[in-house]
Amino acid sequence: MKELMEQISAIGDTFIRNAETQLDKGNKAAGLRARRASLELEPLLKRFRKLSLEASNNKD
């Protein structure tokens, strides 16, 4: 789970950096990179949710 969190954090940082560049400077390429990062985040976040629910259910 720790490795998954590190992946989410790295891709999230990339997304934020590129999204801000698009907004601040109007950089279209940065917008494309941000959209790609958002697509990479989706399955990782779904996996995190699944693992988190399993961990919560196992503690009960």
N, C-alpha and C. Protein backbone atom coordinates (compact mmCIF):
# COMPACT_ATOMS: atom_id res chain seq x y z
N MET A 1 0.83 -1.19 0.00
CA MET A 1 0.00 0.00 0.00
C MET A 1 0.88 1.26 0.00
N LYS A 2 2.04 1.15 0.65
CA LYS A 2 2.93 2.30 0.70
C LYS A 2 3.44 2.65 -0.69
N GLU A 3 3.77 1.63 -1.47
CA GLU A 3 4.24 1.85 -2.84
C GLU A 3 3.15 2.50 -3.69
N LEU A 4 1.92 2.08 -3.49
CA LEU A 4 0.78 2.66 -4.21
C LEU A 4 0.63 4.13 -3.85
N MET A 5 0.77 4.45 -2.57
CA MET A 5 0.68 5.85 -2.14
C MET A 5 1.79 6.70 -2.77
N GLU A 6 2.97 6.14 -2.89
CA GLU A 6 4.07 6.87 -3.51
C GLU A 6 3.80 7.14 -4.99
N GLN A 7 3.21 6.14 -5.68
CA GLN A 7 2.85 6.33 -7.09
C GLN A 7 1.79 7.41 -7.24
N ILE A 8 0.78 7.36 -6.40
CA ILE A 8 -0.29 8.36 -6.44
C ILE A 8 0.28 9.74 -6.18
N SER A 9 1.16 9.85 -5.22
CA SER A 9 1.76 11.14 -4.88
C SER A 9 2.58 11.69 -6.04
N ALA A 10 3.39 10.85 -6.66
CA ALA A 10 4.25 11.29 -7.77
C ALA A 10 3.41 11.75 -8.96
N ILE A 11 2.42 10.97 -9.32
CA ILE A 11 1.58 11.33 -10.46
C ILE A 11 0.71 12.54 -10.11
N GLY A 12 0.26 12.61 -8.87
CA GLY A 12 -0.51 13.77 -8.43
C GLY A 12 0.29 15.05 -8.50
N ASP A 13 1.56 14.97 -8.11
CA ASP A 13 2.44 16.14 -8.21
C ASP A 13 2.62 16.58 -9.66
N THR A 14 2.78 15.59 -10.54
CA THR A 14 2.91 15.89 -11.97
C THR A 14 1.65 16.56 -12.49
N PHE A 15 0.50 16.02 -12.09
CA PHE A 15 -0.77 16.59 -12.52
C PHE A 15 -0.90 18.05 -12.07
N ILE A 16 -0.63 18.29 -10.80
CA ILE A 16 -0.77 19.65 -10.25
C ILE A 16 0.19 20.62 -10.93
N ARG A 17 1.43 20.20 -11.08
CA ARG A 17 2.43 21.07 -11.71
C ARG A 17 2.02 21.45 -13.13
N ASN A 18 1.58 20.47 -13.91
CA ASN A 18 1.19 20.74 -15.30
C ASN A 18 -0.12 21.50 -15.39
N ALA A 19 -1.06 21.20 -14.52
CA ALA A 19 -2.33 21.93 -14.54
C ALA A 19 -2.11 23.40 -14.19
N GLU A 20 -1.24 23.66 -13.22
CA GLU A 20 -0.94 25.05 -12.87
C GLU A 20 -0.23 25.78 -14.01
N THR A 21 0.66 25.08 -14.69
CA THR A 21 1.36 25.68 -15.83
C THR A 21 0.37 26.04 -16.93
N GLN A 22 -0.58 25.16 -17.17
CA GLN A 22 -1.60 25.46 -18.18
C GLN A 22 -2.42 26.68 -17.77
N LEU A 23 -2.83 26.71 -16.53
CA LEU A 23 -3.67 27.82 -16.07
C LEU A 23 -2.91 29.14 -16.03
N ASP A 24 -1.68 29.10 -15.51
CA ASP A 24 -0.90 30.34 -15.34
C ASP A 24 -0.34 30.88 -16.65
N LYS A 25 0.15 29.97 -17.49
CA LYS A 25 0.86 30.41 -18.68
C LYS A 25 0.13 30.09 -19.99
N GLY A 26 -0.99 29.37 -19.89
CA GLY A 26 -1.72 29.01 -21.09
C GLY A 26 -0.98 27.98 -21.95
N ASN A 27 -0.15 27.19 -21.33
CA ASN A 27 0.66 26.19 -22.03
C ASN A 27 -0.21 24.99 -22.38
N LYS A 28 -0.49 24.82 -23.67
CA LYS A 28 -1.37 23.73 -24.12
C LYS A 28 -0.75 22.35 -23.90
N ALA A 29 0.56 22.24 -24.08
CA ALA A 29 1.24 20.96 -23.87
C ALA A 29 1.16 20.53 -22.41
N ALA A 30 1.24 21.49 -21.51
CA ALA A 30 1.12 21.18 -20.08
C ALA A 30 -0.29 20.67 -19.78
N GLY A 31 -1.29 21.22 -20.45
CA GLY A 31 -2.66 20.74 -20.28
C GLY A 31 -2.80 19.29 -20.71
N LEU A 32 -2.16 18.95 -21.83
CA LEU A 32 -2.18 17.57 -22.31
C LEU A 32 -1.52 16.65 -21.29
N ARG A 33 -0.37 17.07 -20.76
CA ARG A 33 0.33 16.25 -19.75
C ARG A 33 -0.53 16.10 -18.49
N ALA A 34 -1.24 17.14 -18.10
CA ALA A 34 -2.10 17.06 -16.91
C ALA A 34 -3.25 16.09 -17.15
N ARG A 35 -3.84 16.14 -18.34
CA ARG A 35 -4.94 15.21 -18.65
C ARG A 35 -4.46 13.77 -18.66
N ARG A 36 -3.25 13.55 -19.20
CA ARG A 36 -2.69 12.19 -19.19
C ARG A 36 -2.46 11.71 -17.76
N ALA A 37 -1.95 12.59 -16.92
CA ALA A 37 -1.71 12.23 -15.52
C ALA A 37 -3.02 11.89 -14.82
N SER A 38 -4.09 12.63 -15.15
CA SER A 38 -5.38 12.35 -14.51
C SER A 38 -5.89 10.96 -14.92
N LEU A 39 -5.61 10.57 -16.16
CA LEU A 39 -6.00 9.22 -16.60
C LEU A 39 -5.19 8.14 -15.90
N GLU A 40 -3.93 8.43 -15.59
CA GLU A 40 -3.10 7.48 -14.86
C GLU A 40 -3.53 7.37 -13.40
N LEU A 41 -4.03 8.46 -12.85
CA LEU A 41 -4.44 8.47 -11.44
C LEU A 41 -5.69 7.64 -11.19
N GLU A 42 -6.61 7.65 -12.13
CA GLU A 42 -7.90 7.00 -11.91
C GLU A 42 -7.80 5.54 -11.46
N PRO A 43 -7.08 4.67 -12.18
CA PRO A 43 -7.00 3.28 -11.72
C PRO A 43 -6.25 3.12 -10.39
N LEU A 44 -5.26 3.99 -10.17
CA LEU A 44 -4.52 3.91 -8.91
C LEU A 44 -5.42 4.29 -7.74
N LEU A 45 -6.26 5.29 -7.92
CA LEU A 45 -7.16 5.70 -6.85
C LEU A 45 -8.23 4.64 -6.59
N LYS A 46 -8.68 3.98 -7.64
CA LYS A 46 -9.65 2.89 -7.46
C LYS A 46 -9.01 1.74 -6.70
N ARG A 47 -7.75 1.45 -7.03
CA ARG A 47 -7.03 0.38 -6.33
C ARG A 47 -6.83 0.75 -4.87
N PHE A 48 -6.48 2.01 -4.61
CA PHE A 48 -6.32 2.47 -3.23
C PHE A 48 -7.62 2.30 -2.44
N ARG A 49 -8.73 2.69 -3.07
CA ARG A 49 -10.03 2.57 -2.39
C ARG A 49 -10.31 1.12 -2.03
N LYS A 50 -10.04 0.20 -2.96
CA LYS A 50 -10.28 -1.22 -2.71
C LYS A 50 -9.41 -1.73 -1.56
N LEU A 51 -8.12 -1.40 -1.60
CA LEU A 51 -7.22 -1.84 -0.54
C LEU A 51 -7.56 -1.22 0.81
N SER A 52 -7.98 0.03 0.79
CA SER A 52 -8.35 0.71 2.02
C SER A 52 -9.58 0.08 2.66
N LEU A 53 -10.57 -0.25 1.82
CA LEU A 53 -11.78 -0.90 2.34
C LEU A 53 -11.45 -2.28 2.90
N GLU A 54 -10.59 -3.02 2.21
CA GLU A 54 -10.19 -4.34 2.71
C GLU A 54 -9.49 -4.22 4.05
N ALA A 55 -8.61 -3.25 4.18
CA ALA A 55 -7.89 -3.04 5.44
C ALA A 55 -8.84 -2.67 6.57
N SER A 56 -9.83 -1.84 6.26
CA SER A 56 -10.81 -1.44 7.27
C SER A 56 -11.66 -2.62 7.71
N ASN A 57 -12.06 -3.45 6.76
CA ASN A 57 -12.91 -4.59 7.06
C ASN A 57 -12.16 -5.66 7.84
N ASN A 58 -10.86 -5.80 7.62
CA ASN A 58 -10.07 -6.80 8.31
C ASN A 58 -9.79 -6.42 9.76
N LYS A 59 -9.88 -5.14 10.09
CA LYS A 59 -9.63 -4.71 11.46
C LYS A 59 -10.84 -4.90 12.36
N ASP A 60 -12.01 -5.04 11.76
CA ASP A 60 -13.24 -5.20 12.57
C ASP A 60 -13.38 -6.57 13.15
